[in-house]
Amino acid sequence: MLHMVTYCFQRSYLGEFVKMGGKKNKIEILLKLQNALWRRQISSSSSSLVVILPRVLPPEKPNQKKNTTLSGFHFLGVNQATHFIHSLATHDNVNQSAVDDVHNIIKNHRGSSSEEIERILGKCGIELTEELVLEVVNRNRSDWRPAYVIFKLIVKQSVYLSSSLVYNEILDVLGKMRRFEEFHQVFDEMSKRDGFVNEKTYEVLLNRYAAAHKVDEAVGVFERRREFGIEDDLVAFHGLLMWLCRYKHVEFAETLLVSRRREFGCDIKAMNIILNGWCVLGNVHEAKRIWKDIIASKCRPDVVSYGTMINALTKKGKLEKAMELYRAMWETGRNPDVKICNNVIDALCFKKRIPEALQVFKEMGEKGCFPNVVTYNSLLKHLCKIRRTVKVWALVEEMEHKGGSCSPNDVTFGYLLKYSQKPKDVEDVLERMRKNRCEMTSDLYNLMFRLYVQWDNEEKVREIWGKMERSGLGPDQRTYTIRIHGLHTKGKIGEALSYFREMMSRGMVPEPRTEMLLNQNKTKPRVEDKMLRSNLTNEESESD
């Protein structure tokens, strides 16, 4: 008989063990478990399975307590003292097994208090350190709960932190998920530590407040900079304006700029931020007003000002006016930079004027404005869309040959993945990524996930989901949305609702279309439930 299974065992092995119950005989179960134990370097004796966790548990003492029950699992000879289970050398040398254990404990005890989590970690002989908790937080960037639990444990255990890096990451996750009560707790704790509130903290605070449309709080953070020993300078003010404009609070940002003009004077960079804000909103009328203000002021328009207006005009479909400004720049000696040329190329491609875009691409090099990866990506995006496969791969090879600022990046491979026709195309793109040492991102994972859902390849769907979990790049709101809609399309309403509830439990806000889709089916009886009830009834009648 099985005497004991340790909680700190890899979840995959436990999952396999549970799945076998009732399906295979006891001998098969024990053989499977023995294999798994051997792979984890766990030894067994003739009378019982004694777990030896390498680098975790100290040698057993004669008078040590033998059996400790923890959440239904038995531990033999676990020392109550904690022990290091990872390398202290560098972030890269963190014991991934320890990270897996902490990650799984927090995930599987989601509803437990931080005190209970701490008790389980203690039973497993795990001591938290800066490198370990940072890894765990980064694995759960789309889930606020693990980040908050880690914060509580850091405070409770007085975990040594050499810098504010961990706190900044926790703060960013909580702000991203709009958990502002917990967000303020973390910031208050940081404020008690000398030098922990730094420029990165300031950036996180501005970003998350502005994103949540808490503009007064964002301005308040700027006003309090000096309290934390950070200079209240023009660069910081630019940061405030930028984050406000990024989240569509352009009018508020402009009013703020006017109110501070006496303090900061006429500053072309600040005016460019406001100009760009109106352009991003698509309000060309207001953008022209700011442009006239720049012309009339002591601040002369620079390359950024021209580039911003060209970008706004192209986005509004006023390509001819944008081209006039573009040509005027060359003629007046205000040579466009690569960013402006990229905007023009992208706009020409969008209007299906690809030969003209290729001509601008050619002229760039002749006039000393050398293309970069964004230039190539603009061409690739549109060439992929019209299936110019030969030209696409010729440009990719040219990028690889040039290297440096032209090397293919995640955006490049995103376009190649997006327009893949079959699984073989995906494998070719991934192979090219490995060749160029381009790492996966959440966007790339979601692109692949969408493709395999569309192709009804359930094995690959589950594989990518698992990889996203292990890498900390998801699953995020997009992943859940793709999964839910894919299951709904196949008529698997029960599974779709299950994923929907899981998404909500992680604090993710569903898209309105997802809620509408599932609300139509909540009142309908689930096919899976009917089948389950039918099976149970049959089993009961057979036993009678």
Protein backbone atom coordinates (compact mmCIF):
# COMPACT_ATOMS: atom_id res chain seq x y z
CA MET A 1 0.00 0.00 0.00
CA LEU A 2 1.05 3.55 -0.61
CA HIS A 3 2.19 4.99 2.70
CA MET A 4 2.91 8.57 1.74
CA VAL A 5 3.02 11.08 -1.11
CA THR A 6 4.78 14.38 -0.62
CA TYR A 7 3.01 17.63 -1.43
CA CYS A 8 6.20 19.05 -2.85
CA PHE A 9 5.96 16.50 -5.62
CA GLN A 10 5.61 17.77 -9.20
CA ARG A 11 1.93 18.39 -9.96
CA SER A 12 2.18 16.57 -13.29
CA TYR A 13 3.03 13.30 -11.56
CA LEU A 14 0.18 13.71 -9.08
CA GLY A 15 -2.16 14.51 -11.96
CA GLU A 16 -1.18 11.29 -13.71
CA PHE A 17 -1.59 9.33 -10.49
CA VAL A 18 -5.09 10.72 -9.86
CA LYS A 19 -6.18 10.12 -13.45
CA MET A 20 -5.24 6.43 -13.17
CA GLY A 21 -7.47 5.85 -10.14
CA GLY A 22 -10.30 3.49 -11.01
CA LYS A 23 -8.89 2.87 -14.46
CA LYS A 24 -5.87 0.67 -13.86
CA ASN A 25 -5.09 -1.94 -11.30
CA LYS A 26 -2.97 -1.27 -8.24
CA ILE A 27 0.20 -2.80 -9.72
CA GLU A 28 0.12 -0.39 -12.67
CA ILE A 29 -0.46 2.53 -10.32
CA LEU A 30 2.48 1.60 -8.12
CA LEU A 31 4.76 1.05 -11.14
CA LYS A 32 3.84 4.47 -12.50
CA LEU A 33 4.48 6.13 -9.16
CA GLN A 34 7.76 4.26 -8.69
CA ASN A 35 8.96 5.57 -12.07
CA ALA A 36 8.03 9.12 -11.13
CA LEU A 37 9.72 8.82 -7.74
CA TRP A 38 12.88 7.54 -9.37
CA ARG A 39 12.97 10.51 -11.73
CA ARG A 40 12.70 12.84 -8.74
CA GLN A 41 15.47 10.99 -6.91
CA ILE A 42 13.12 9.76 -4.22
CA SER A 43 14.11 6.48 -2.62
CA SER A 44 11.79 3.74 -1.40
CA SER A 45 12.03 1.04 1.24
CA SER A 46 10.33 -2.37 1.41
CA SER A 47 7.76 -1.33 3.99
CA SER A 48 7.02 2.23 2.97
CA LEU A 49 7.94 4.96 0.54
CA VAL A 50 10.21 7.37 2.37
CA VAL A 51 10.52 10.71 0.60
CA ILE A 52 13.98 12.24 0.52
CA LEU A 53 13.85 15.76 -0.92
CA PRO A 54 17.37 16.52 -2.20
CA ARG A 55 18.78 19.88 -1.06
CA VAL A 56 15.57 20.46 0.92
CA LEU A 57 15.53 18.23 3.96
CA PRO A 58 18.35 17.67 6.45
CA PRO A 59 19.36 14.18 7.63
CA GLU A 60 16.68 12.64 9.84
CA LYS A 61 17.35 12.83 13.56
CA PRO A 62 16.64 9.79 15.79
CA ASN A 63 14.21 11.66 18.05
CA GLN A 64 12.47 13.44 15.23
CA LYS A 65 8.71 13.27 14.91
CA LYS A 66 7.85 10.68 12.27
CA ASN A 67 4.51 11.56 10.71
CA THR A 68 3.15 15.03 10.07
CA THR A 69 -0.17 15.37 8.26
CA LEU A 70 -0.48 18.27 5.82
CA SER A 71 -3.60 18.80 3.70
CA GLY A 72 -4.21 15.08 3.42
CA PHE A 73 -0.59 14.16 2.57
CA HIS A 74 1.84 12.54 5.00
CA PHE A 75 5.44 13.69 5.53
CA LEU A 76 8.01 11.37 7.06
CA GLY A 77 10.79 12.96 9.06
CA VAL A 78 10.30 16.58 8.03
CA ASN A 79 12.39 18.97 10.07
CA GLN A 80 10.42 21.94 11.35
CA ALA A 81 13.30 24.29 10.57
CA THR A 82 13.50 25.89 7.12
CA HIS A 83 16.36 25.30 4.71
CA PHE A 84 17.64 26.90 1.53
CA ILE A 85 16.64 24.97 -1.55
CA HIS A 86 18.09 27.19 -4.26
CA SER A 87 21.27 28.87 -5.35
CA LEU A 88 22.02 32.30 -3.94
CA ALA A 89 24.48 33.18 -6.69
CA THR A 90 22.40 34.91 -9.35
CA HIS A 91 18.86 35.33 -10.59
CA ASP A 92 19.60 32.87 -13.40
CA ASN A 93 20.68 30.20 -10.94
CA VAL A 94 17.44 30.03 -8.99
CA ASN A 95 16.44 26.41 -8.47
CA GLN A 96 13.51 26.02 -10.84
CA SER A 97 12.24 23.05 -8.82
CA ALA A 98 11.86 25.35 -5.81
CA VAL A 99 10.10 27.94 -7.96
CA ASP A 100 7.74 25.23 -9.26
CA ASP A 101 6.97 24.12 -5.70
CA VAL A 102 6.15 27.63 -4.44
CA HIS A 103 4.14 28.41 -7.58
CA ASN A 104 2.10 25.19 -7.26
CA ILE A 105 1.50 25.59 -3.52
CA ILE A 106 0.13 29.12 -3.98
CA LYS A 107 -1.94 28.10 -7.00
CA ASN A 108 -3.41 24.96 -5.41
CA HIS A 109 -4.20 26.80 -2.15
CA ARG A 110 -5.65 29.89 -3.81
CA GLY A 111 -8.33 30.38 -1.17
CA SER A 112 -5.96 29.89 1.77
CA SER A 113 -4.61 32.67 3.96
CA SER A 114 -0.99 33.76 3.80
CA GLU A 115 -0.50 32.12 7.23
CA GLU A 116 -1.64 28.76 5.85
CA ILE A 117 0.64 29.16 2.79
CA GLU A 118 3.52 30.01 5.12
CA ARG A 119 2.84 26.87 7.17
CA ILE A 120 2.87 24.68 4.04
CA LEU A 121 6.12 26.24 2.82
CA GLY A 122 7.64 25.59 6.23
CA LYS A 123 6.60 21.93 6.11
CA CYS A 124 8.24 21.65 2.69
CA GLY A 125 11.45 23.19 4.04
CA ILE A 126 11.23 26.18 1.73
CA GLU A 127 12.71 29.54 2.69
CA LEU A 128 11.80 32.50 0.53
CA THR A 129 14.51 34.72 -0.92
CA GLU A 130 14.58 37.65 -3.30
CA GLU A 131 15.44 35.63 -6.41
CA LEU A 132 12.84 32.96 -5.72
CA VAL A 133 9.90 35.31 -5.06
CA LEU A 134 10.78 37.39 -8.14
CA GLU A 135 10.55 34.28 -10.31
CA VAL A 136 7.18 33.33 -8.82
CA VAL A 137 5.75 36.84 -9.31
CA ASN A 138 6.93 36.94 -12.92
CA ARG A 139 5.23 33.61 -13.58
CA ASN A 140 1.88 35.06 -12.49
CA ARG A 141 1.70 38.45 -14.16
CA SER A 142 -1.93 37.91 -15.16
CA ASP A 143 -3.08 36.91 -11.66
CA TRP A 144 -3.04 39.33 -8.73
CA ARG A 145 -3.50 36.77 -5.94
CA PRO A 146 -0.03 35.09 -6.03
CA ALA A 147 1.67 38.51 -6.13
CA TYR A 148 -0.28 39.68 -3.07
CA VAL A 149 0.39 36.43 -1.16
CA ILE A 150 4.10 36.81 -1.90
CA PHE A 151 3.99 40.39 -0.59
CA LYS A 152 2.33 39.26 2.67
CA LEU A 153 4.94 36.52 3.11
CA ILE A 154 7.82 38.94 2.47
CA VAL A 155 6.53 41.27 5.20
CA LYS A 156 5.69 38.47 7.65
CA GLN A 157 9.00 36.65 7.23
CA SER A 158 11.09 39.83 6.85
CA VAL A 159 12.57 38.48 3.62
CA TYR A 160 15.75 40.38 2.74
CA LEU A 161 15.41 42.45 -0.44
CA SER A 162 18.49 44.13 -1.87
CA SER A 163 16.42 46.56 -3.97
CA SER A 164 12.85 47.57 -4.77
CA LEU A 165 12.73 45.29 -7.85
CA VAL A 166 10.39 42.69 -6.30
CA TYR A 167 8.05 45.32 -4.81
CA ASN A 168 7.91 47.18 -8.13
CA GLU A 169 6.91 43.98 -9.93
CA ILE A 170 4.23 43.17 -7.33
CA LEU A 171 2.96 46.75 -7.54
CA ASP A 172 2.76 46.51 -11.33
CA VAL A 173 0.76 43.25 -11.24
CA LEU A 174 -1.72 44.58 -8.65
CA GLY A 175 -2.17 47.84 -10.57
CA LYS A 176 -2.65 45.97 -13.83
CA MET A 177 -5.47 43.94 -12.26
CA ARG A 178 -6.98 47.10 -10.65
CA ARG A 179 -6.53 45.78 -7.09
CA PHE A 180 -5.92 49.23 -5.64
CA GLU A 181 -6.57 48.37 -2.00
CA GLU A 182 -3.72 45.84 -2.09
CA PHE A 183 -1.77 48.19 -4.39
CA HIS A 184 -1.80 50.90 -1.70
CA GLN A 185 -0.73 48.41 0.97
CA VAL A 186 2.38 47.52 -1.05
CA PHE A 187 3.21 51.16 -1.74
CA ASP A 188 2.80 52.07 1.95
CA GLU A 189 5.19 49.27 2.90
CA MET A 190 7.70 50.46 0.28
CA SER A 191 7.48 53.98 1.69
CA LYS A 192 8.72 52.68 5.05
CA ARG A 193 11.92 51.35 3.46
CA ASP A 194 14.62 53.90 2.76
CA GLY A 195 15.31 54.36 -0.96
CA PHE A 196 12.74 51.80 -2.13
CA VAL A 197 10.52 54.33 -3.91
CA ASN A 198 12.52 55.11 -7.06
CA GLU A 199 12.03 56.18 -10.67
CA LYS A 200 10.70 52.75 -11.64
CA THR A 201 8.15 52.92 -8.81
CA TYR A 202 7.12 56.37 -10.04
CA GLU A 203 6.65 55.01 -13.57
CA VAL A 204 4.55 52.07 -12.34
CA LEU A 205 2.34 54.36 -10.23
CA LEU A 206 1.73 56.81 -13.09
CA ASN A 207 1.07 54.02 -15.58
CA ARG A 208 -1.44 52.12 -13.42
CA TYR A 209 -3.27 55.20 -12.09
CA ALA A 210 -3.60 56.71 -15.56
CA ALA A 211 -4.71 53.37 -17.02
CA ALA A 212 -7.45 53.18 -14.35
CA HIS A 213 -8.42 56.82 -15.13
CA LYS A 214 -7.38 57.95 -11.64
CA VAL A 215 -5.89 61.22 -12.91
CA ASP A 216 -5.94 63.02 -9.55
CA GLU A 217 -3.96 60.19 -7.97
CA ALA A 218 -1.46 60.31 -10.86
CA VAL A 219 -0.89 64.06 -10.34
CA GLY A 220 -0.65 63.44 -6.59
CA VAL A 221 2.21 60.98 -7.18
CA PHE A 222 4.07 63.67 -9.17
CA GLU A 223 3.52 66.20 -6.38
CA ARG A 224 4.93 63.79 -3.75
CA ARG A 225 8.16 62.95 -5.59
CA ARG A 226 10.30 65.14 -3.35
CA GLU A 227 8.96 63.38 -0.24
CA PHE A 228 10.77 60.26 -1.44
CA GLY A 229 13.98 62.00 -2.48
CA ILE A 230 13.22 62.02 -6.22
CA GLU A 231 13.72 65.26 -8.14
CA ASP A 232 10.57 67.10 -9.25
CA ASP A 233 12.05 67.97 -12.65
CA LEU A 234 10.97 68.52 -16.24
CA VAL A 235 11.68 64.90 -17.23
CA ALA A 236 9.31 63.70 -14.50
CA PHE A 237 6.69 66.15 -15.75
CA HIS A 238 7.09 64.79 -19.28
CA GLY A 239 6.45 61.31 -17.86
CA LEU A 240 3.23 62.48 -16.21
CA LEU A 241 1.99 64.10 -19.44
CA MET A 242 2.92 61.04 -21.48
CA TRP A 243 0.99 58.55 -19.30
CA LEU A 244 -2.05 60.84 -19.12
CA CYS A 245 -2.10 61.19 -22.90
CA ARG A 246 -1.52 57.49 -23.42
CA TYR A 247 -4.77 56.73 -21.62
CA LYS A 248 -6.75 59.44 -23.43
CA HIS A 249 -6.66 62.16 -20.77
CA VAL A 250 -5.24 64.64 -23.30
CA GLU A 251 -7.44 67.60 -22.39
CA PHE A 252 -6.49 67.23 -18.72
CA ALA A 253 -2.80 66.95 -19.68
CA GLU A 254 -2.99 70.10 -21.83
CA THR A 255 -4.64 72.06 -18.99
CA LEU A 256 -1.89 70.84 -16.66
CA LEU A 257 0.80 71.96 -19.13
CA VAL A 258 -0.72 75.45 -19.40
CA SER A 259 -0.91 75.75 -15.60
CA ARG A 260 2.79 74.82 -15.28
CA ARG A 261 4.07 76.95 -18.16
CA ARG A 262 5.48 79.60 -15.79
CA GLU A 263 7.42 76.88 -13.95
CA PHE A 264 8.76 74.96 -16.96
CA GLY A 265 8.64 77.62 -19.70
CA CYS A 266 8.05 76.96 -23.40
CA ASP A 267 9.11 73.37 -23.96
CA ILE A 268 8.81 71.75 -27.40
CA LYS A 269 8.94 68.20 -25.99
CA ALA A 270 5.95 68.83 -23.70
CA MET A 271 4.01 70.38 -26.58
CA ASN A 272 4.90 67.42 -28.81
CA ILE A 273 3.46 65.07 -26.17
CA ILE A 274 0.14 66.96 -26.23
CA LEU A 275 0.22 67.12 -30.04
CA ASN A 276 0.77 63.36 -30.17
CA GLY A 277 -2.01 62.83 -27.64
CA TRP A 278 -4.59 64.54 -29.83
CA CYS A 279 -3.25 62.70 -32.89
CA VAL A 280 -3.57 59.31 -31.18
CA LEU A 281 -7.17 60.17 -30.29
CA GLY A 282 -7.72 60.85 -33.99
CA ASN A 283 -8.72 64.46 -33.36
CA VAL A 284 -6.96 66.16 -36.24
CA HIS A 285 -8.81 69.45 -35.57
CA GLU A 286 -7.26 69.74 -32.08
CA ALA A 287 -3.90 68.52 -33.42
CA LYS A 288 -3.89 71.35 -36.02
CA ARG A 289 -4.70 73.84 -33.23
CA ILE A 290 -1.67 72.67 -31.23
CA TRP A 291 0.45 72.74 -34.41
CA LYS A 292 -0.49 76.41 -34.94
CA ASP A 293 0.30 77.14 -31.29
CA ILE A 294 3.76 75.62 -31.78
CA ILE A 295 4.37 77.70 -34.92
CA ALA A 296 3.23 80.89 -33.13
CA SER A 297 5.30 80.24 -30.00
CA LYS A 298 9.02 80.54 -29.34
CA CYS A 299 9.21 76.75 -29.74
CA ARG A 300 9.97 75.94 -33.36
CA PRO A 301 8.61 72.60 -34.68
CA ASP A 302 11.29 69.92 -34.77
CA VAL A 303 11.52 66.56 -36.53
CA VAL A 304 9.28 65.00 -33.87
CA SER A 305 6.59 67.63 -34.45
CA TYR A 306 6.63 66.98 -38.20
CA GLY A 307 6.63 63.24 -37.66
CA THR A 308 3.66 63.46 -35.31
CA MET A 309 1.60 65.47 -37.80
CA ILE A 310 2.53 63.15 -40.68
CA ASN A 311 1.48 60.18 -38.56
CA ALA A 312 -1.85 61.83 -37.69
CA LEU A 313 -2.60 62.69 -41.31
CA THR A 314 -1.79 59.19 -42.56
CA LYS A 315 -4.00 57.61 -39.91
CA LYS A 316 -6.89 59.85 -40.98
CA GLY A 317 -6.40 58.80 -44.59
CA LYS A 318 -5.08 62.22 -45.64
CA LEU A 319 -2.11 60.62 -47.37
CA GLU A 320 -1.52 63.33 -49.98
CA LYS A 321 -1.19 66.06 -47.33
CA ALA A 322 1.13 63.79 -45.35
CA MET A 323 3.27 63.23 -48.46
CA GLU A 324 3.45 67.01 -48.99
CA LEU A 325 4.84 67.48 -45.47
CA TYR A 326 7.22 64.54 -46.01
CA ARG A 327 8.65 66.01 -49.25
CA ALA A 328 8.83 69.49 -47.68
CA MET A 329 11.05 68.10 -44.93
CA TRP A 330 13.61 66.84 -47.45
CA GLU A 331 13.46 70.11 -49.40
CA THR A 332 13.94 72.36 -46.34
CA GLY A 333 16.78 70.33 -44.88
CA ARG A 334 14.75 68.88 -42.00
CA ASN A 335 15.61 65.36 -43.08
CA PRO A 336 12.99 62.83 -41.94
CA ASP A 337 14.23 60.17 -39.56
CA VAL A 338 13.60 56.46 -39.98
CA LYS A 339 10.42 56.65 -37.86
CA ILE A 340 8.81 59.16 -40.25
CA CYS A 341 9.84 57.12 -43.29
CA ASN A 342 8.33 54.05 -41.65
CA ASN A 343 5.00 55.87 -41.18
CA VAL A 344 4.95 56.87 -44.84
CA ILE A 345 5.78 53.33 -45.99
CA ASP A 346 3.10 51.83 -43.76
CA ALA A 347 0.50 54.34 -44.99
CA LEU A 348 1.34 53.66 -48.65
CA CYS A 349 1.11 49.90 -48.08
CA PHE A 350 -2.24 50.32 -46.32
CA LYS A 351 -3.57 52.13 -49.40
CA LYS A 352 -2.24 49.20 -51.50
CA ARG A 353 0.37 51.49 -53.08
CA ILE A 354 3.09 48.94 -52.40
CA PRO A 355 5.30 49.86 -55.43
CA GLU A 356 5.51 53.46 -54.09
CA ALA A 357 6.29 52.11 -50.62
CA LEU A 358 9.13 50.03 -52.04
CA GLN A 359 10.39 53.15 -53.85
CA VAL A 360 10.47 55.13 -50.55
CA PHE A 361 12.26 52.13 -49.01
CA LYS A 362 14.89 52.29 -51.77
CA GLU A 363 15.31 56.10 -51.50
CA MET A 364 15.88 55.91 -47.75
CA GLY A 365 19.21 54.17 -48.16
CA GLU A 366 20.25 56.47 -51.00
CA LYS A 367 19.61 59.57 -48.83
CA GLY A 368 21.34 58.24 -45.73
CA CYS A 369 18.23 57.29 -43.75
CA PHE A 370 18.85 53.60 -43.16
CA PRO A 371 15.92 51.22 -42.55
CA ASN A 372 15.47 49.30 -39.33
CA VAL A 373 13.39 46.30 -38.24
CA VAL A 374 10.23 48.46 -38.08
CA THR A 375 10.70 49.42 -41.75
CA TYR A 376 10.92 45.80 -42.77
CA ASN A 377 8.00 44.83 -40.52
CA SER A 378 5.78 47.48 -42.17
CA LEU A 379 6.47 45.90 -45.56
CA LEU A 380 6.15 42.34 -44.25
CA LYS A 381 2.78 43.01 -42.61
CA HIS A 382 1.17 44.00 -45.89
CA LEU A 383 3.06 41.53 -48.09
CA CYS A 384 1.95 38.69 -45.80
CA LYS A 385 -1.64 39.90 -46.08
CA ILE A 386 -1.59 39.66 -49.89
CA ARG A 387 0.31 36.32 -49.79
CA ARG A 388 3.48 37.56 -51.50
CA THR A 389 5.31 34.63 -49.89
CA VAL A 390 8.47 34.72 -52.02
CA LYS A 391 9.02 38.44 -51.39
CA VAL A 392 8.26 37.97 -47.68
CA TRP A 393 10.94 35.35 -47.15
CA ALA A 394 13.40 37.32 -49.32
CA LEU A 395 12.97 40.31 -46.96
CA VAL A 396 13.34 38.07 -43.89
CA GLU A 397 16.62 36.71 -45.27
CA GLU A 398 17.77 40.28 -45.98
CA MET A 399 16.99 41.21 -42.36
CA GLU A 400 18.96 38.22 -41.08
CA HIS A 401 21.90 39.10 -43.34
CA LYS A 402 22.02 42.75 -42.22
CA GLY A 403 21.55 41.92 -38.53
CA GLY A 404 21.81 44.62 -35.86
CA SER A 405 18.83 47.00 -35.91
CA CYS A 406 17.38 45.05 -38.85
CA SER A 407 17.34 41.64 -37.14
CA PRO A 408 13.90 39.96 -37.10
CA ASN A 409 12.05 40.40 -33.80
CA ASP A 410 8.87 39.12 -32.15
CA VAL A 411 6.74 41.49 -34.28
CA THR A 412 8.30 40.05 -37.45
CA PHE A 413 7.46 36.51 -36.43
CA GLY A 414 4.03 37.63 -35.24
CA TYR A 415 3.12 38.62 -38.80
CA LEU A 416 4.53 35.36 -40.16
CA LEU A 417 2.49 33.38 -37.61
CA LYS A 418 -0.70 35.38 -38.10
CA TYR A 419 -0.91 34.47 -41.76
CA SER A 420 0.17 30.83 -41.38
CA GLN A 421 -2.03 28.47 -43.40
CA LYS A 422 -1.22 25.13 -41.75
CA PRO A 423 0.67 23.62 -38.76
CA LYS A 424 3.78 23.11 -40.90
CA ASP A 425 3.96 26.88 -41.47
CA VAL A 426 3.91 27.44 -37.69
CA GLU A 427 6.75 24.95 -37.20
CA ASP A 428 8.80 26.73 -39.89
CA VAL A 429 8.30 30.09 -38.18
CA LEU A 430 9.26 28.65 -34.77
CA GLU A 431 12.39 27.12 -36.27
CA ARG A 432 13.30 30.52 -37.74
CA MET A 433 12.74 32.08 -34.32
CA ARG A 434 15.15 29.62 -32.71
CA LYS A 435 17.70 30.39 -35.41
CA ASN A 436 17.42 34.12 -34.63
CA ARG A 437 17.28 33.56 -30.85
CA CYS A 438 13.97 35.36 -30.62
CA GLU A 439 12.12 34.57 -27.39
CA MET A 440 8.40 33.89 -27.11
CA THR A 441 6.03 36.62 -25.94
CA SER A 442 2.42 36.52 -24.77
CA ASP A 443 1.36 37.93 -28.17
CA LEU A 444 3.10 35.10 -30.05
CA TYR A 445 1.66 32.46 -27.73
CA ASN A 446 -1.84 33.88 -28.24
CA LEU A 447 -1.40 33.96 -32.02
CA MET A 448 -0.38 30.30 -32.01
CA PHE A 449 -3.15 29.45 -29.56
CA ARG A 450 -5.77 31.07 -31.82
CA LEU A 451 -4.50 29.17 -34.87
CA TYR A 452 -4.62 25.77 -33.16
CA VAL A 453 -8.09 26.51 -31.76
CA GLN A 454 -9.24 27.35 -35.30
CA TRP A 455 -7.64 24.16 -36.62
CA ASP A 456 -9.31 22.15 -33.80
CA ASN A 457 -5.95 20.71 -32.68
CA GLU A 458 -6.77 20.03 -29.01
CA GLU A 459 -3.38 18.48 -28.23
CA LYS A 460 -1.51 21.60 -29.33
CA VAL A 461 -4.05 23.84 -27.60
CA ARG A 462 -3.34 22.15 -24.25
CA GLU A 463 0.41 22.13 -24.91
CA ILE A 464 0.53 25.90 -25.54
CA TRP A 465 -1.69 26.58 -22.51
CA GLY A 466 0.78 24.64 -20.35
CA LYS A 467 3.78 26.46 -21.81
CA MET A 468 2.16 29.83 -21.12
CA GLU A 469 1.55 28.85 -17.50
CA ARG A 470 5.13 27.65 -17.00
CA SER A 471 6.68 30.70 -18.65
CA GLY A 472 4.54 33.24 -16.76
CA LEU A 473 3.33 34.74 -20.06
CA GLY A 474 -0.26 33.73 -19.49
CA PRO A 475 -2.85 32.53 -19.90
CA ASP A 476 -4.21 36.06 -19.97
CA GLN A 477 -7.58 37.58 -20.82
CA ARG A 478 -7.02 37.08 -24.55
CA THR A 479 -6.14 33.40 -24.09
CA TYR A 480 -9.28 32.75 -22.05
CA THR A 481 -11.41 34.62 -24.60
CA ILE A 482 -10.04 32.56 -27.50
CA ARG A 483 -10.56 29.33 -25.52
CA ILE A 484 -14.10 30.18 -24.43
CA HIS A 485 -15.24 31.20 -27.90
CA GLY A 486 -13.58 28.14 -29.44
CA LEU A 487 -15.35 25.79 -27.04
CA HIS A 488 -18.66 27.58 -27.58
CA THR A 489 -18.30 27.19 -31.35
CA LYS A 490 -17.89 23.42 -30.85
CA GLY A 491 -20.97 23.30 -28.63
CA LYS A 492 -19.00 22.58 -25.43
CA ILE A 493 -20.95 25.09 -23.36
CA GLY A 494 -20.15 23.50 -19.98
CA GLU A 495 -16.40 23.70 -20.55
CA ALA A 496 -16.71 27.25 -21.87
CA LEU A 497 -18.55 28.30 -18.69
CA SER A 498 -15.91 26.58 -16.56
CA TYR A 499 -13.12 28.59 -18.24
CA PHE A 500 -15.23 31.74 -17.92
CA ARG A 501 -15.57 31.24 -14.14
CA GLU A 502 -11.84 30.56 -13.85
CA MET A 503 -11.06 33.76 -15.77
CA MET A 504 -13.34 35.76 -13.48
CA SER A 505 -11.76 34.21 -10.36
CA ARG A 506 -8.38 35.52 -11.55
CA GLY A 507 -9.69 39.07 -11.69
CA MET A 508 -9.78 39.30 -15.48
CA VAL A 509 -12.51 41.43 -17.07
CA PRO A 510 -14.26 39.55 -19.90
CA GLU A 511 -15.11 41.22 -23.18
CA PRO A 512 -18.79 42.20 -23.55
CA ARG A 513 -19.17 39.80 -26.49
CA THR A 514 -17.98 36.92 -24.29
CA GLU A 515 -20.50 37.74 -21.56
CA MET A 516 -23.32 38.04 -24.08
CA LEU A 517 -22.34 34.74 -25.67
CA LEU A 518 -22.39 32.82 -22.39
CA ASN A 519 -25.45 34.55 -20.91
CA GLN A 520 -27.47 33.07 -23.78
CA ASN A 521 -26.54 29.57 -22.59
CA LYS A 522 -26.56 29.86 -18.79
CA THR A 523 -30.27 29.15 -18.60
CA LYS A 524 -30.00 26.14 -20.92
CA PRO A 525 -29.32 22.71 -19.32
CA ARG A 526 -25.76 21.54 -19.82
CA VAL A 527 -25.33 18.45 -22.01
CA GLU A 528 -22.41 17.32 -19.83
CA ASP A 529 -24.57 17.53 -16.69
CA LYS A 530 -27.32 15.48 -18.33
CA MET A 531 -24.82 12.80 -19.35
CA LEU A 532 -23.28 12.74 -15.87
CA ARG A 533 -26.67 12.36 -14.18
CA SER A 534 -27.60 9.61 -16.65
CA ASN A 535 -24.36 7.70 -15.96
CA LEU A 536 -24.81 7.99 -12.19
CA THR A 537 -28.39 6.71 -12.46
CA ASN A 538 -27.25 3.73 -14.53
CA GLU A 539 -24.47 2.91 -12.07
CA GLU A 540 -26.88 3.07 -9.12
CA SER A 541 -29.39 0.77 -10.84
CA GLU A 542 -26.60 -1.72 -11.67
CA SER A 543 -25.38 -1.77 -8.05
CA ASP A 544 -28.96 -2.41 -6.85
